[in-house]
PDB file of N, CA and C in Angstrom:
ATOM      1  N   LEU A   1       1.968  25.748   2.001  1.00  0.00           N
ATOM      2  CA  LEU A   1       0.004  25.818   1.444  1.00  0.00           C
ATOM      3  C   LEU A   1       0.954  26.263  -0.361  1.00  0.00           C
ATOM      4  N   LYS A   2       0.259  25.795  -1.018  1.00  0.00           N
ATOM      5  CA  LYS A   2       0.202  25.812  -2.655  1.00  0.00           C
ATOM      6  C   LYS A   2      -0.798  26.853  -3.181  1.00  0.00           C
ATOM      7  N   HIS A   3      -1.783  26.871  -2.307  1.00  0.00           N
ATOM      8  CA  HIS A   3      -3.179  27.538  -3.047  1.00  0.00           C
ATOM      9  C   HIS A   3      -4.279  27.575  -2.079  1.00  0.00           C
ATOM     10  N   VAL A   4      -5.034  28.537  -2.249  1.00  0.00           N
ATOM     11  CA  VAL A   4      -6.194  28.313  -1.521  1.00  0.00           C
ATOM     12  C   VAL A   4      -7.878  28.501  -1.973  1.00  0.00           C
ATOM     13  N   HIS A   5      -8.488  27.195  -1.781  1.00  0.00           N
ATOM     14  CA  HIS A   5     -10.000  27.787  -2.585  1.00  0.00           C
ATOM     15  C   HIS A   5     -10.570  28.879  -2.143  1.00  0.00           C
ATOM     16  N   THR A   6     -11.501  29.553  -2.254  1.00  0.00           N
ATOM     17  CA  THR A   6     -12.125  30.121  -1.506  1.00  0.00           C
ATOM     18  C   THR A   6     -13.620  30.118  -1.917  1.00  0.00           C
ATOM     19  N   SER A   7     -14.593  30.377  -0.806  1.00  0.00           N
ATOM     20  CA  SER A   7     -16.144  29.723  -0.893  1.00  0.00           C
ATOM     21  C   SER A   7     -17.037  30.087  -0.160  1.00  0.00           C
ATOM     22  N   GLU A   8     -17.873  30.536  -0.397  1.00  0.00           N
ATOM     23  CA  GLU A   8     -18.792  30.914   0.714  1.00  0.00           C
ATOM     24  C   GLU A   8     -19.485  29.848   1.573  1.00  0.00           C
ATOM     25  N   ASN A   9     -20.069  30.555   2.526  1.00  0.00           N
ATOM     26  CA  ASN A   9     -20.598  29.456   3.227  1.00  0.00           C
ATOM     27  C   ASN A   9     -21.899  28.738   2.564  1.00  0.00           C
ATOM     28  N   ASP A  10     -22.337  29.536   1.542  1.00  0.00           N
ATOM     29  CA  ASP A  10     -23.584  28.750   0.792  1.00  0.00           C
ATOM     30  C   ASP A  10     -23.226  28.220  -0.547  1.00  0.00           C
ATOM     31  N   ARG A  11     -21.526  28.056  -1.160  1.00  0.00           N
ATOM     32  CA  ARG A  11     -21.106  28.113  -1.802  1.00  0.00           C
ATOM     33  C   ARG A  11     -21.615  29.302  -3.167  1.00  0.00           C
ATOM     34  N   GLY A  12     -21.609  30.199  -2.830  1.00  0.00           N
ATOM     35  CA  GLY A  12     -22.059  31.286  -3.883  1.00  0.00           C
ATOM     36  C   GLY A  12     -20.657  32.532  -3.933  1.00  0.00           C
ATOM     37  N   THR A  13     -20.986  33.443  -4.313  1.00  0.00           N
ATOM     38  CA  THR A  13     -19.932  34.475  -4.731  1.00  0.00           C
ATOM     39  C   THR A  13     -18.856  34.670  -3.073  1.00  0.00           C
ATOM     40  N   PRO A  14     -17.600  35.076  -3.720  1.00  0.00           N
ATOM     41  CA  PRO A  14     -17.166  34.743  -1.853  1.00  0.00           C
ATOM     42  C   PRO A  14     -17.411  36.523  -1.465  1.00  0.00           C
ATOM     43  N   GLY A  15     -17.639  36.729  -0.495  1.00  0.00           N
ATOM     44  CA  GLY A  15     -18.368  38.335  -0.099  1.00  0.00           C
ATOM     45  C   GLY A  15     -19.229  38.481  -0.193  1.00  0.00           C
ATOM     46  N   THR A  16     -20.604  37.425  -0.460  1.00  0.00           N
ATOM     47  CA  THR A  16     -22.103  37.731  -0.173  1.00  0.00           C
ATOM     48  C   THR A  16     -22.417  36.928   0.939  1.00  0.00           C
ATOM     49  N   GLY A  17     -22.312  35.831   1.607  1.00  0.00           N
ATOM     50  CA  GLY A  17     -22.156  35.272   2.739  1.00  0.00           C
ATOM     51  C   GLY A  17     -21.897  35.368   4.300  1.00  0.00           C
ATOM     52  N   HIS A  18     -21.425  34.463   5.097  1.00  0.00           N
ATOM     53  CA  HIS A  18     -21.334  34.307   6.565  1.00  0.00           C
ATOM     54  C   HIS A  18     -19.623  34.464   6.485  1.00  0.00           C
ATOM     55  N   VAL A  19     -18.995  33.647   6.031  1.00  0.00           N
ATOM     56  CA  VAL A  19     -17.225  33.950   6.093  1.00  0.00           C
ATOM     57  C   VAL A  19     -16.975  35.116   6.844  1.00  0.00           C
ATOM     58  N   GLU A  20     -16.136  34.691   7.545  1.00  0.00           N
ATOM     59  CA  GLU A  20     -15.644  36.608   8.082  1.00  0.00           C
ATOM     60  C   GLU A  20     -13.869  36.448   7.339  1.00  0.00           C
ATOM     61  N   TRP A  21     -14.092  36.871   6.263  1.00  0.00           N
ATOM     62  CA  TRP A  21     -12.942  37.135   5.521  1.00  0.00           C
ATOM     63  C   TRP A  21     -12.090  37.986   5.900  1.00  0.00           C
ATOM     64  N   ASP A  22     -12.079  38.874   6.855  1.00  0.00           N
ATOM     65  CA  ASP A  22     -11.461  39.448   7.576  1.00  0.00           C
ATOM     66  C   ASP A  22     -10.196  38.769   8.480  1.00  0.00           C
ATOM     67  N   ALA A  23     -10.719  37.899   9.146  1.00  0.00           N
ATOM     68  CA  ALA A  23      -9.583  36.655   9.707  1.00  0.00           C
ATOM     69  C   ALA A  23      -9.162  35.853   8.873  1.00  0.00           C
ATOM     70  N   VAL A  24      -9.865  35.319   7.278  1.00  0.00           N
ATOM     71  CA  VAL A  24      -9.037  34.739   6.757  1.00  0.00           C
ATOM     72  C   VAL A  24      -7.914  34.953   5.868  1.00  0.00           C
ATOM     73  N   PHE A  25      -7.835  36.623   5.623  1.00  0.00           N
ATOM     74  CA  PHE A  25      -7.348  37.135   4.994  1.00  0.00           C
ATOM     75  C   PHE A  25      -6.028  37.681   5.942  1.00  0.00           C
ATOM     76  N   ALA A  26      -6.391  37.769   7.180  1.00  0.00           N
ATOM     77  CA  ALA A  26      -5.605  38.517   8.443  1.00  0.00           C
ATOM     78  C   ALA A  26      -4.582  36.894   8.444  1.00  0.00           C
ATOM     79  N   ALA A  27      -5.169  35.646   8.493  1.00  0.00           N
ATOM     80  CA  ALA A  27      -4.816  34.242   8.864  1.00  0.00           C
ATOM     81  C   ALA A  27      -3.715  33.986   7.294  1.00  0.00           C
ATOM     82  N   LEU A  28      -3.887  35.117   6.407  1.00  0.00           N
ATOM     83  CA  LEU A  28      -3.244  34.573   5.029  1.00  0.00           C
ATOM     84  C   LEU A  28      -2.250  35.248   5.235  1.00  0.00           C
ATOM     85  N   ARG A  29      -2.223  36.554   5.509  1.00  0.00           N
ATOM     86  CA  ARG A  29      -0.780  37.626   5.779  1.00  0.00           C
ATOM     87  C   ARG A  29      -0.190  36.999   7.189  1.00  0.00           C
ATOM     88  N   SER A  30      -0.627  36.569   7.747  1.00  0.00           N
ATOM     89  CA  SER A  30       0.562  36.262   8.850  1.00  0.00           C
ATOM     90  C   SER A  30       1.020  35.477   8.287  1.00  0.00           C
ATOM     91  N   ILE A  31       0.944  34.258   7.544  1.00  0.00           N
ATOM     92  CA  ILE A  31       2.202  33.458   7.115  1.00  0.00           C
ATOM     93  C   ILE A  31       2.613  33.861   5.671  1.00  0.00           C
ATOM     94  N   ALA A  32       2.573  34.879   5.508  1.00  0.00           N
ATOM     95  CA  ALA A  32       2.913  35.864   4.312  1.00  0.00           C
ATOM     96  C   ALA A  32       2.930  34.807   2.692  1.00  0.00           C
ATOM     97  N   TYR A  33       1.545  34.627   2.857  1.00  0.00           N
ATOM     98  CA  TYR A  33       1.245  33.758   1.565  1.00  0.00           C
ATOM     99  C   TYR A  33       0.970  34.915   0.547  1.00  0.00           C
ATOM    100  N   ASP A  34       1.581  34.448  -0.634  1.00  0.00           N
ATOM    101  CA  ASP A  34       1.561  34.637  -1.807  1.00  0.00           C
ATOM    102  C   ASP A  34       1.046  34.260  -3.013  1.00  0.00           C
ATOM    103  N   GLY A  35       0.421  32.771  -2.734  1.00  0.00           N
ATOM    104  CA  GLY A  35       0.057  32.073  -4.014  1.00  0.00           C
ATOM    105  C   GLY A  35      -1.504  32.285  -4.497  1.00  0.00           C
ATOM    106  N   TRP A  36      -2.122  31.222  -5.245  1.00  0.00           N
ATOM    107  CA  TRP A  36      -2.997  30.944  -5.810  1.00  0.00           C
ATOM    108  C   TRP A  36      -4.318  31.437  -5.333  1.00  0.00           C
ATOM    109  N   LEU A  37      -5.171  32.225  -5.181  1.00  0.00           N
ATOM    110  CA  LEU A  37      -6.802  32.288  -4.596  1.00  0.00           C
ATOM    111  C   LEU A  37      -7.603  31.901  -6.100  1.00  0.00           C
ATOM    112  N   THR A  38      -8.183  30.353  -5.561  1.00  0.00           N
ATOM    113  CA  THR A  38      -8.801  29.949  -6.357  1.00  0.00           C
ATOM    114  C   THR A  38     -10.751  29.902  -5.958  1.00  0.00           C
ATOM    115  N   ILE A  39     -11.682  30.318  -6.711  1.00  0.00           N
ATOM    116  CA  ILE A  39     -12.974  30.850  -6.340  1.00  0.00           C
ATOM    117  C   ILE A  39     -14.151  29.066  -6.576  1.00  0.00           C
ATOM    118  N   GLU A  40     -14.595  28.654  -5.760  1.00  0.00           N
ATOM    119  CA  GLU A  40     -14.631  27.177  -5.685  1.00  0.00           C
ATOM    120  C   GLU A  40     -16.462  27.782  -5.385  1.00  0.00           C
ATOM    121  N   SER A  41     -17.330  27.328  -6.680  1.00  0.00           N
ATOM    122  CA  SER A  41     -18.775  27.643  -6.321  1.00  0.00           C
ATOM    123  C   SER A  41     -19.618  26.891  -7.212  1.00  0.00           C
ATOM    124  N   PHE A  42     -20.555  26.502  -6.425  1.00  0.00           N
ATOM    125  CA  PHE A  42     -21.618  25.601  -7.199  1.00  0.00           C
ATOM    126  C   PHE A  42     -22.743  25.719  -7.410  1.00  0.00           C
ATOM    127  N   GLY A  43     -23.173  25.558  -8.786  1.00  0.00           N
ATOM    128  CA  GLY A  43     -24.826  25.847  -8.952  1.00  0.00           C
ATOM    129  C   GLY A  43     -25.513  24.893  -9.420  1.00  0.00           C
ATOM    130  N   PHE A  44     -26.718  24.816  -9.406  1.00  0.00           N
ATOM    131  CA  PHE A  44     -27.861  24.043  -9.527  1.00  0.00           C
ATOM    132  C   PHE A  44     -27.887  23.242 -10.629  1.00  0.00           C
ATOM    133  N   ALA A  45     -27.293  23.756 -11.875  1.00  0.00           N
ATOM    134  CA  ALA A  45     -27.321  23.078 -13.056  1.00  0.00           C
ATOM    135  C   ALA A  45     -25.936  22.449 -12.965  1.00  0.00           C
ATOM    136  N   LEU A  46     -25.217  21.922 -12.279  1.00  0.00           N
ATOM    137  CA  LEU A  46     -23.933  20.195 -12.154  1.00  0.00           C
ATOM    138  C   LEU A  46     -24.898  19.273 -11.960  1.00  0.00           C
ATOM    139  N   GLY A  47     -25.858  19.407 -11.760  1.00  0.00           N
ATOM    140  CA  GLY A  47     -26.569  18.170 -11.637  1.00  0.00           C
ATOM    141  C   GLY A  47     -26.098  17.322 -10.250  1.00  0.00           C
ATOM    142  N   GLY A  48     -25.432  15.796 -10.437  1.00  0.00           N
ATOM    143  CA  GLY A  48     -24.819  15.347  -9.391  1.00  0.00           C
ATOM    144  C   GLY A  48     -24.216  15.935  -8.427  1.00  0.00           C
ATOM    145  N   ILE A  49     -23.300  16.726  -8.624  1.00  0.00           N
ATOM    146  CA  ILE A  49     -22.673  17.942  -7.709  1.00  0.00           C
ATOM    147  C   ILE A  49     -23.619  18.667  -6.823  1.00  0.00           C
ATOM    148  N   SER A  50     -24.580  19.090  -7.717  1.00  0.00           N
ATOM    149  CA  SER A  50     -25.732  20.107  -6.871  1.00  0.00           C
ATOM    150  C   SER A  50     -26.236  19.108  -5.649  1.00  0.00           C
ATOM    151  N   ALA A  51     -26.760  18.042  -6.204  1.00  0.00           N
ATOM    152  CA  ALA A  51     -27.569  16.974  -5.036  1.00  0.00           C
ATOM    153  C   ALA A  51     -26.656  16.880  -3.914  1.00  0.00           C
ATOM    154  N   ALA A  52     -25.330  16.420  -4.310  1.00  0.00           N
ATOM    155  CA  ALA A  52     -24.390  15.885  -3.527  1.00  0.00           C
ATOM    156  C   ALA A  52     -23.709  17.136  -2.092  1.00  0.00           C
ATOM    157  N   ALA A  53     -24.031  18.245  -2.642  1.00  0.00           N
ATOM    158  CA  ALA A  53     -23.547  19.284  -2.374  1.00  0.00           C
ATOM    159  C   ALA A  53     -24.808  20.217  -1.824  1.00  0.00           C
ATOM    160  N   SER A  54     -26.157  20.036  -1.735  1.00  0.00           N
ATOM    161  CA  SER A  54     -27.261  20.062  -1.302  1.00  0.00           C
ATOM    162  C   SER A  54     -27.729  21.578  -1.600  1.00  0.00           C
ATOM    163  N   ILE A  55     -27.179  21.641  -2.793  1.00  0.00           N
ATOM    164  CA  ILE A  55     -27.453  22.971  -3.749  1.00  0.00           C
ATOM    165  C   ILE A  55     -28.900  23.054  -4.290  1.00  0.00           C
ATOM    166  N   TRP A  56     -29.378  23.884  -3.925  1.00  0.00           N
ATOM    167  CA  TRP A  56     -31.063  23.832  -4.624  1.00  0.00           C
ATOM    168  C   TRP A  56     -31.596  24.664  -5.242  1.00  0.00           C
ATOM    169  N   ARG A  57     -30.505  26.113  -5.696  1.00  0.00           N
ATOM    170  CA  ARG A  57     -30.643  26.606  -6.368  1.00  0.00           C
ATOM    171  C   ARG A  57     -29.392  27.061  -7.332  1.00  0.00           C
ATOM    172  N   ASP A  58     -29.589  28.176  -7.732  1.00  0.00           N
ATOM    173  CA  ASP A  58     -28.827  28.881  -8.807  1.00  0.00           C
ATOM    174  C   ASP A  58     -28.451  30.412  -7.420  1.00  0.00           C
ATOM    175  N   LEU A  59     -27.014  30.462  -7.034  1.00  0.00           N
ATOM    176  CA  LEU A  59     -26.495  31.666  -6.468  1.00  0.00           C
ATOM    177  C   LEU A  59     -26.338  32.922  -6.975  1.00  0.00           C
ATOM    178  N   GLU A  60     -26.406  32.483  -8.685  1.00  0.00           N
ATOM    179  CA  GLU A  60     -25.909  34.232  -9.397  1.00  0.00           C
ATOM    180  C   GLU A  60     -26.443  33.694 -10.420  1.00  0.00           C
ATOM    181  N   SER A  61     -26.676  34.550 -11.443  1.00  0.00           N
ATOM    182  CA  SER A  61     -27.452  34.464 -13.086  1.00  0.00           C
ATOM    183  C   SER A  61     -26.643  33.659 -13.390  1.00  0.00           C
ATOM    184  N   SER A  62     -25.067  34.131 -13.156  1.00  0.00           N
ATOM    185  CA  SER A  62     -23.781  33.391 -14.488  1.00  0.00           C
ATOM    186  C   SER A  62     -22.657  33.225 -13.587  1.00  0.00           C
ATOM    187  N   PRO A  63     -21.939  31.936 -14.331  1.00  0.00           N
ATOM    188  CA  PRO A  63     -20.918  31.689 -13.890  1.00  0.00           C
ATOM    189  C   PRO A  63     -19.913  32.759 -14.086  1.00  0.00           C
ATOM    190  N   ASP A  64     -20.175  33.236 -14.810  1.00  0.00           N
ATOM    191  CA  ASP A  64     -19.004  34.445 -15.206  1.00  0.00           C
ATOM    192  C   ASP A  64     -19.362  35.796 -14.153  1.00  0.00           C
ATOM    193  N   ARG A  65     -20.531  35.509 -13.630  1.00  0.00           N
ATOM    194  CA  ARG A  65     -21.110  36.839 -12.575  1.00  0.00           C
ATOM    195  C   ARG A  65     -20.303  36.442 -11.282  1.00  0.00           C
ATOM    196  N   ILE A  66     -20.147  35.475 -11.000  1.00  0.00           N
ATOM    197  CA  ILE A  66     -19.330  34.728  -9.785  1.00  0.00           C
ATOM    198  C   ILE A  66     -18.236  35.073  -9.938  1.00  0.00           C
ATOM    199  N   ALA A  67     -17.699  34.782 -11.255  1.00  0.00           N
ATOM    200  CA  ALA A  67     -16.064  35.375 -11.098  1.00  0.00           C
ATOM    201  C   ALA A  67     -16.131  36.447 -10.989  1.00  0.00           C
ATOM    202  N   PHE A  68     -17.079  37.052 -11.608  1.00  0.00           N
ATOM    203  CA  PHE A  68     -16.727  38.786 -12.077  1.00  0.00           C
ATOM    204  C   PHE A  68     -16.251  39.552 -10.677  1.00  0.00           C
ATOM    205  N   ASP A  69     -17.397  39.255  -9.715  1.00  0.00           N
ATOM    206  CA  ASP A  69     -17.842  39.678  -8.413  1.00  0.00           C
ATOM    207  C   ASP A  69     -16.979  38.841  -7.410  1.00  0.00           C
ATOM    208  N   GLY A  70     -16.842  37.637  -7.547  1.00  0.00           N
ATOM    209  CA  GLY A  70     -15.872  37.279  -6.641  1.00  0.00           C
ATOM    210  C   GLY A  70     -14.401  37.501  -6.638  1.00  0.00           C
ATOM    211  N   VAL A  71     -13.693  37.676  -7.835  1.00  0.00           N
ATOM    212  CA  VAL A  71     -12.620  38.007  -7.993  1.00  0.00           C
ATOM    213  C   VAL A  71     -12.277  39.670  -7.798  1.00  0.00           C
ATOM    214  N   LYS A  72     -13.237  40.686  -7.954  1.00  0.00           N
ATOM    215  CA  LYS A  72     -13.539  41.777  -7.325  1.00  0.00           C
ATOM    216  C   LYS A  72     -13.146  41.755  -5.744  1.00  0.00           C
ATOM    217  N   PHE A  73     -14.081  41.338  -5.533  1.00  0.00           N
ATOM    218  CA  PHE A  73     -14.064  40.775  -3.582  1.00  0.00           C
ATOM    219  C   PHE A  73     -12.825  40.384  -3.324  1.00  0.00           C
ATOM    220  N   LEU A  74     -12.212  39.228  -3.831  1.00  0.00           N
ATOM    221  CA  LEU A  74     -10.983  39.054  -3.699  1.00  0.00           C
ATOM    222  C   LEU A  74      -9.538  40.192  -3.338  1.00  0.00           C
ATOM    223  N   LYS A  75      -9.757  40.680  -4.578  1.00  0.00           N
ATOM    224  CA  LYS A  75      -8.759  41.557  -5.069  1.00  0.00           C
ATOM    225  C   LYS A  75      -8.781  42.426  -3.798  1.00  0.00           C
ATOM    226  N   ARG A  76     -10.274  43.079  -3.479  1.00  0.00           N
ATOM    227  CA  ARG A  76     -10.465  44.401  -2.784  1.00  0.00           C
ATOM    228  C   ARG A  76      -9.609  44.060  -1.100  1.00  0.00           C
ATOM    229  N   MET A  77     -10.005  42.081  -1.140  1.00  0.00           N
ATOM    230  CA  MET A  77      -9.546  42.090   0.709  1.00  0.00           C
ATOM    231  C   MET A  77      -7.865  41.784   0.464  1.00  0.00           C
ATOM    232  N   ALA A  78      -7.590  41.105  -0.416  1.00  0.00           N
ATOM    233  CA  ALA A  78      -5.947  41.019  -0.849  1.00  0.00           C
ATOM    234  C   ALA A  78      -5.421  42.277  -0.332  1.00  0.00           C
ATOM    235  N   ALA A  79      -5.907  43.424  -0.714  1.00  0.00           N
ATOM    236  CA  ALA A  79      -5.544  44.764  -1.031  1.00  0.00           C
ATOM    237  C   ALA A  79      -5.389  45.504   0.446  1.00  0.00           C
ATOM    238  N   ALA A  80      -6.309  45.139   1.401  1.00  0.00           N
ATOM    239  CA  ALA A  80      -6.611  45.595   2.517  1.00  0.00           C
ATOM    240  C   ALA A  80      -5.353  45.394   3.373  1.00  0.00           C
TER     241      ALA A  80
END
């Protein structure tokens, strides 16, 4: 495993949906994963991608908000 794409069930900010993050991080710990975590989130403004991914609205006010809140959440989970 080289790196992990993190995404919420609705493609929003990690930690705001229904993904069982405790289980995800327990699995990563069980294999001693120490690689990169990336946030994969889509917004409505992406046109063709949003249509293909069934995104009908922006899930946050900006990509910066997704990055800030998502990184904060992932760091907290990784440290637990």
